[in-house]
Amino acid sequence: MRLLGDEYVKSEFRAHRNVENPVHIIGFLTEWQSYAQQLEGDAWRDARMDKGKIDKMSDQQLGQLYELMQTIREKELKENDPEHQGEQ
């Protein structure tokens, strides 16, 4: 899971590297700081996203979130289901 997370973080920072709107920059960095704090320990497990944040997401962001969810589920299935052991 860490490999997936590391690649996602790198991708997000590259995608926002040239953003010039200070509101977007502050929002982006605030959310990543919050995310990093949540990852400490197991506090993030079984957590739910705030509905207000989801409602503010663009269609593209919702699509990315869905793709991330699908990737995580597929990875977990491959790791935990004996029928899918060895699949890459």
N, C-alpha and C. Protein backbone atom coordinates (compact mmCIF):
# COMPACT_ATOMS: atom_id res chain seq x y z
N MET A 1 0.83 -1.19 0.00
CA MET A 1 0.00 0.00 0.00
C MET A 1 0.87 1.25 0.00
N ARG A 2 2.02 1.20 0.64
CA ARG A 2 2.85 2.38 0.72
C ARG A 2 3.32 2.81 -0.67
N LEU A 3 3.67 1.85 -1.51
CA LEU A 3 4.11 2.17 -2.86
C LEU A 3 3.03 2.93 -3.61
N LEU A 4 1.80 2.46 -3.50
CA LEU A 4 0.67 3.14 -4.14
C LEU A 4 0.54 4.56 -3.60
N GLY A 5 0.63 4.70 -2.28
CA GLY A 5 0.50 6.01 -1.65
C GLY A 5 1.61 6.95 -2.05
N ASP A 6 2.84 6.46 -2.06
CA ASP A 6 3.99 7.29 -2.43
C ASP A 6 3.85 7.80 -3.86
N GLU A 7 3.47 6.93 -4.76
CA GLU A 7 3.32 7.33 -6.16
C GLU A 7 2.19 8.36 -6.32
N TYR A 8 1.11 8.16 -5.57
CA TYR A 8 -0.02 9.10 -5.63
C TYR A 8 0.41 10.48 -5.12
N VAL A 9 1.12 10.51 -4.01
CA VAL A 9 1.57 11.79 -3.45
C VAL A 9 2.49 12.50 -4.44
N LYS A 10 3.44 11.79 -5.01
CA LYS A 10 4.34 12.41 -5.99
C LYS A 10 3.57 12.97 -7.17
N SER A 11 2.61 12.21 -7.64
CA SER A 11 1.79 12.63 -8.78
C SER A 11 1.01 13.90 -8.45
N GLU A 12 0.41 13.95 -7.27
CA GLU A 12 -0.38 15.12 -6.86
C GLU A 12 0.49 16.36 -6.73
N PHE A 13 1.67 16.22 -6.14
CA PHE A 13 2.55 17.38 -6.00
C PHE A 13 3.05 17.86 -7.36
N ARG A 14 3.34 16.93 -8.26
CA ARG A 14 3.74 17.34 -9.62
C ARG A 14 2.60 18.08 -10.32
N ALA A 15 1.38 17.58 -10.17
CA ALA A 15 0.23 18.17 -10.83
C ALA A 15 -0.06 19.59 -10.31
N HIS A 16 0.32 19.87 -9.08
CA HIS A 16 0.03 21.18 -8.49
C HIS A 16 1.27 22.08 -8.41
N ARG A 17 2.33 21.66 -9.02
CA ARG A 17 3.60 22.39 -8.96
C ARG A 17 3.48 23.81 -9.53
N ASN A 18 2.71 23.99 -10.59
CA ASN A 18 2.63 25.29 -11.26
C ASN A 18 1.37 26.09 -10.92
N VAL A 19 0.66 25.68 -9.90
CA VAL A 19 -0.54 26.41 -9.48
C VAL A 19 -0.11 27.76 -8.91
N GLU A 20 -0.77 28.83 -9.33
CA GLU A 20 -0.39 30.15 -8.88
C GLU A 20 -1.42 30.79 -7.96
N ASN A 21 -2.64 30.25 -7.93
CA ASN A 21 -3.69 30.82 -7.09
C ASN A 21 -3.39 30.51 -5.63
N PRO A 22 -3.14 31.54 -4.80
CA PRO A 22 -2.79 31.29 -3.40
C PRO A 22 -3.86 30.52 -2.63
N VAL A 23 -5.11 30.70 -2.96
CA VAL A 23 -6.19 29.97 -2.28
C VAL A 23 -6.05 28.47 -2.54
N HIS A 24 -5.75 28.11 -3.79
CA HIS A 24 -5.57 26.70 -4.13
C HIS A 24 -4.33 26.12 -3.45
N ILE A 25 -3.27 26.90 -3.41
CA ILE A 25 -2.02 26.43 -2.78
C ILE A 25 -2.24 26.17 -1.29
N ILE A 26 -2.87 27.13 -0.62
CA ILE A 26 -3.11 26.98 0.82
C ILE A 26 -4.03 25.79 1.09
N GLY A 27 -5.10 25.66 0.30
CA GLY A 27 -6.00 24.54 0.46
C GLY A 27 -5.32 23.21 0.24
N PHE A 28 -4.50 23.13 -0.82
CA PHE A 28 -3.77 21.91 -1.14
C PHE A 28 -2.84 21.51 0.00
N LEU A 29 -2.04 22.46 0.46
CA LEU A 29 -1.07 22.16 1.52
C LEU A 29 -1.76 21.85 2.85
N THR A 30 -2.85 22.53 3.14
CA THR A 30 -3.60 22.27 4.37
C THR A 30 -4.14 20.84 4.38
N GLU A 31 -4.71 20.43 3.26
CA GLU A 31 -5.26 19.07 3.18
C GLU A 31 -4.17 18.02 3.29
N TRP A 32 -3.00 18.25 2.65
CA TRP A 32 -1.92 17.27 2.74
C TRP A 32 -1.36 17.21 4.16
N GLN A 33 -1.30 18.36 4.84
CA GLN A 33 -0.83 18.35 6.22
C GLN A 33 -1.80 17.56 7.10
N SER A 34 -3.08 17.78 6.90
CA SER A 34 -4.10 17.04 7.65
C SER A 34 -3.99 15.54 7.37
N TYR A 35 -3.81 15.20 6.11
CA TYR A 35 -3.66 13.79 5.70
C TYR A 35 -2.46 13.15 6.40
N ALA A 36 -1.33 13.86 6.41
CA ALA A 36 -0.11 13.32 7.04
C ALA A 36 -0.33 13.10 8.53
N GLN A 37 -1.04 14.01 9.18
CA GLN A 37 -1.31 13.85 10.60
C GLN A 37 -2.22 12.67 10.87
N GLN A 38 -3.18 12.44 9.99
CA GLN A 38 -4.11 11.32 10.16
C GLN A 38 -3.41 9.98 10.00
N LEU A 39 -2.35 9.94 9.19
CA LEU A 39 -1.65 8.68 8.95
C LEU A 39 -0.83 8.21 10.14
N GLU A 40 -0.55 9.11 11.07
CA GLU A 40 0.19 8.72 12.25
C GLU A 40 -0.67 7.78 13.08
N GLY A 41 -0.19 6.60 13.32
CA GLY A 41 -0.97 5.62 14.07
C GLY A 41 -2.06 5.02 13.19
N ASP A 42 -3.10 4.53 13.82
CA ASP A 42 -4.20 3.89 13.11
C ASP A 42 -5.48 4.71 13.15
N ALA A 43 -5.39 5.99 13.48
CA ALA A 43 -6.58 6.84 13.61
C ALA A 43 -7.35 6.95 12.29
N TRP A 44 -6.69 6.75 11.18
CA TRP A 44 -7.32 6.91 9.87
C TRP A 44 -8.18 5.71 9.49
N ARG A 45 -7.95 4.58 10.12
CA ARG A 45 -8.70 3.37 9.74
C ARG A 45 -10.18 3.55 10.02
N ASP A 46 -10.99 3.12 9.10
CA ASP A 46 -12.44 3.20 9.20
C ASP A 46 -12.97 4.63 9.28
N ALA A 47 -12.13 5.60 8.94
CA ALA A 47 -12.57 7.01 8.94
C ALA A 47 -13.41 7.27 7.69
N ARG A 48 -14.26 8.24 7.79
CA ARG A 48 -15.11 8.64 6.67
C ARG A 48 -14.74 10.04 6.23
N MET A 49 -14.87 10.29 4.95
CA MET A 49 -14.61 11.64 4.44
C MET A 49 -15.77 12.55 4.82
N ASP A 50 -15.44 13.78 5.09
CA ASP A 50 -16.44 14.78 5.41
C ASP A 50 -17.32 15.04 4.18
N LYS A 51 -18.64 14.95 4.35
CA LYS A 51 -19.56 15.13 3.23
C LYS A 51 -19.39 16.50 2.59
N GLY A 52 -19.10 17.52 3.39
CA GLY A 52 -18.90 18.87 2.86
C GLY A 52 -17.74 18.92 1.87
N LYS A 53 -16.67 18.18 2.17
CA LYS A 53 -15.51 18.14 1.26
C LYS A 53 -15.87 17.40 -0.02
N ILE A 54 -16.62 16.32 0.11
CA ILE A 54 -17.02 15.57 -1.07
C ILE A 54 -17.91 16.43 -1.96
N ASP A 55 -18.83 17.17 -1.35
CA ASP A 55 -19.74 18.02 -2.11
C ASP A 55 -19.00 19.12 -2.88
N LYS A 56 -17.83 19.53 -2.40
CA LYS A 56 -17.06 20.59 -3.05
C LYS A 56 -16.16 20.07 -4.16
N MET A 57 -16.03 18.75 -4.27
CA MET A 57 -15.13 18.17 -5.27
C MET A 57 -15.70 18.31 -6.68
N SER A 58 -14.78 18.50 -7.62
CA SER A 58 -15.17 18.54 -9.03
C SER A 58 -15.43 17.12 -9.52
N ASP A 59 -16.02 17.01 -10.70
CA ASP A 59 -16.25 15.69 -11.28
C ASP A 59 -14.92 14.95 -11.47
N GLN A 60 -13.88 15.69 -11.86
CA GLN A 60 -12.57 15.07 -12.05
C GLN A 60 -12.02 14.53 -10.73
N GLN A 61 -12.16 15.31 -9.67
CA GLN A 61 -11.68 14.86 -8.36
C GLN A 61 -12.45 13.63 -7.88
N LEU A 62 -13.76 13.63 -8.09
CA LEU A 62 -14.57 12.47 -7.70
C LEU A 62 -14.15 11.24 -8.50
N GLY A 63 -13.84 11.43 -9.78
CA GLY A 63 -13.36 10.33 -10.60
C GLY A 63 -12.04 9.79 -10.10
N GLN A 64 -11.13 10.68 -9.71
CA GLN A 64 -9.84 10.25 -9.17
C GLN A 64 -10.02 9.50 -7.86
N LEU A 65 -10.92 9.99 -7.03
CA LEU A 65 -11.18 9.34 -5.76
C LEU A 65 -11.74 7.93 -5.98
N TYR A 66 -12.64 7.81 -6.95
CA TYR A 66 -13.21 6.50 -7.28
C TYR A 66 -12.12 5.55 -7.79
N GLU A 67 -11.24 6.05 -8.66
CA GLU A 67 -10.16 5.21 -9.19
C GLU A 67 -9.22 4.77 -8.06
N LEU A 68 -8.95 5.66 -7.13
CA LEU A 68 -8.10 5.31 -6.00
C LEU A 68 -8.76 4.22 -5.16
N MET A 69 -10.05 4.37 -4.90
CA MET A 69 -10.79 3.37 -4.14
C MET A 69 -10.74 2.01 -4.83
N GLN A 70 -10.96 1.99 -6.15
CA GLN A 70 -10.94 0.74 -6.90
C GLN A 70 -9.55 0.09 -6.84
N THR A 71 -8.51 0.88 -6.97
CA THR A 71 -7.14 0.35 -6.92
C THR A 71 -6.84 -0.25 -5.57
N ILE A 72 -7.26 0.42 -4.51
CA ILE A 72 -7.03 -0.09 -3.16
C ILE A 72 -7.80 -1.40 -2.94
N ARG A 73 -9.04 -1.43 -3.39
CA ARG A 73 -9.84 -2.65 -3.23
C ARG A 73 -9.23 -3.82 -4.00
N GLU A 74 -8.77 -3.57 -5.22
CA GLU A 74 -8.15 -4.63 -6.01
C GLU A 74 -6.89 -5.14 -5.33
N LYS A 75 -6.09 -4.22 -4.81
CA LYS A 75 -4.85 -4.61 -4.13
C LYS A 75 -5.16 -5.43 -2.88
N GLU A 76 -6.15 -5.00 -2.11
CA GLU A 76 -6.53 -5.74 -0.91
C GLU A 76 -7.06 -7.13 -1.27
N LEU A 77 -7.83 -7.21 -2.34
CA LEU A 77 -8.36 -8.50 -2.79
C LEU A 77 -7.22 -9.44 -3.15
N LYS A 78 -6.24 -8.94 -3.88
CA LYS A 78 -5.10 -9.77 -4.28
C LYS A 78 -4.29 -10.21 -3.07
N GLU A 79 -4.21 -9.36 -2.06
CA GLU A 79 -3.43 -9.71 -0.87
C GLU A 79 -4.16 -10.67 0.06
N ASN A 80 -5.50 -10.61 0.08
CA ASN A 80 -6.27 -11.35 1.08
C ASN A 80 -7.06 -12.54 0.54
N ASP A 81 -7.26 -12.63 -0.74
CA ASP A 81 -8.07 -13.71 -1.31
C ASP A 81 -7.14 -14.78 -1.89
N PRO A 82 -7.20 -16.00 -1.38
CA PRO A 82 -6.32 -17.06 -1.86
C PRO A 82 -6.44 -17.31 -3.36
N GLU A 83 -7.61 -17.07 -3.94
CA GLU A 83 -7.79 -17.28 -5.38
C GLU A 83 -7.01 -16.28 -6.22
N HIS A 84 -6.71 -15.14 -5.62
CA HIS A 84 -6.00 -14.08 -6.36
C HIS A 84 -4.53 -13.96 -5.96
N GLN A 85 -4.04 -14.86 -5.13
CA GLN A 85 -2.65 -14.83 -4.73
C GLN A 85 -1.74 -14.99 -5.94
N GLY A 86 -0.71 -14.18 -6.00
CA GLY A 86 0.24 -14.27 -7.11
C GLY A 86 -0.11 -13.40 -8.29
N GLU A 87 -1.31 -12.81 -8.32
CA GLU A 87 -1.65 -11.91 -9.42
C GLU A 87 -0.94 -10.58 -9.22
N GLN A 88 -0.57 -9.95 -10.30
CA GLN A 88 0.09 -8.65 -10.21
C GLN A 88 -0.75 -7.58 -10.81
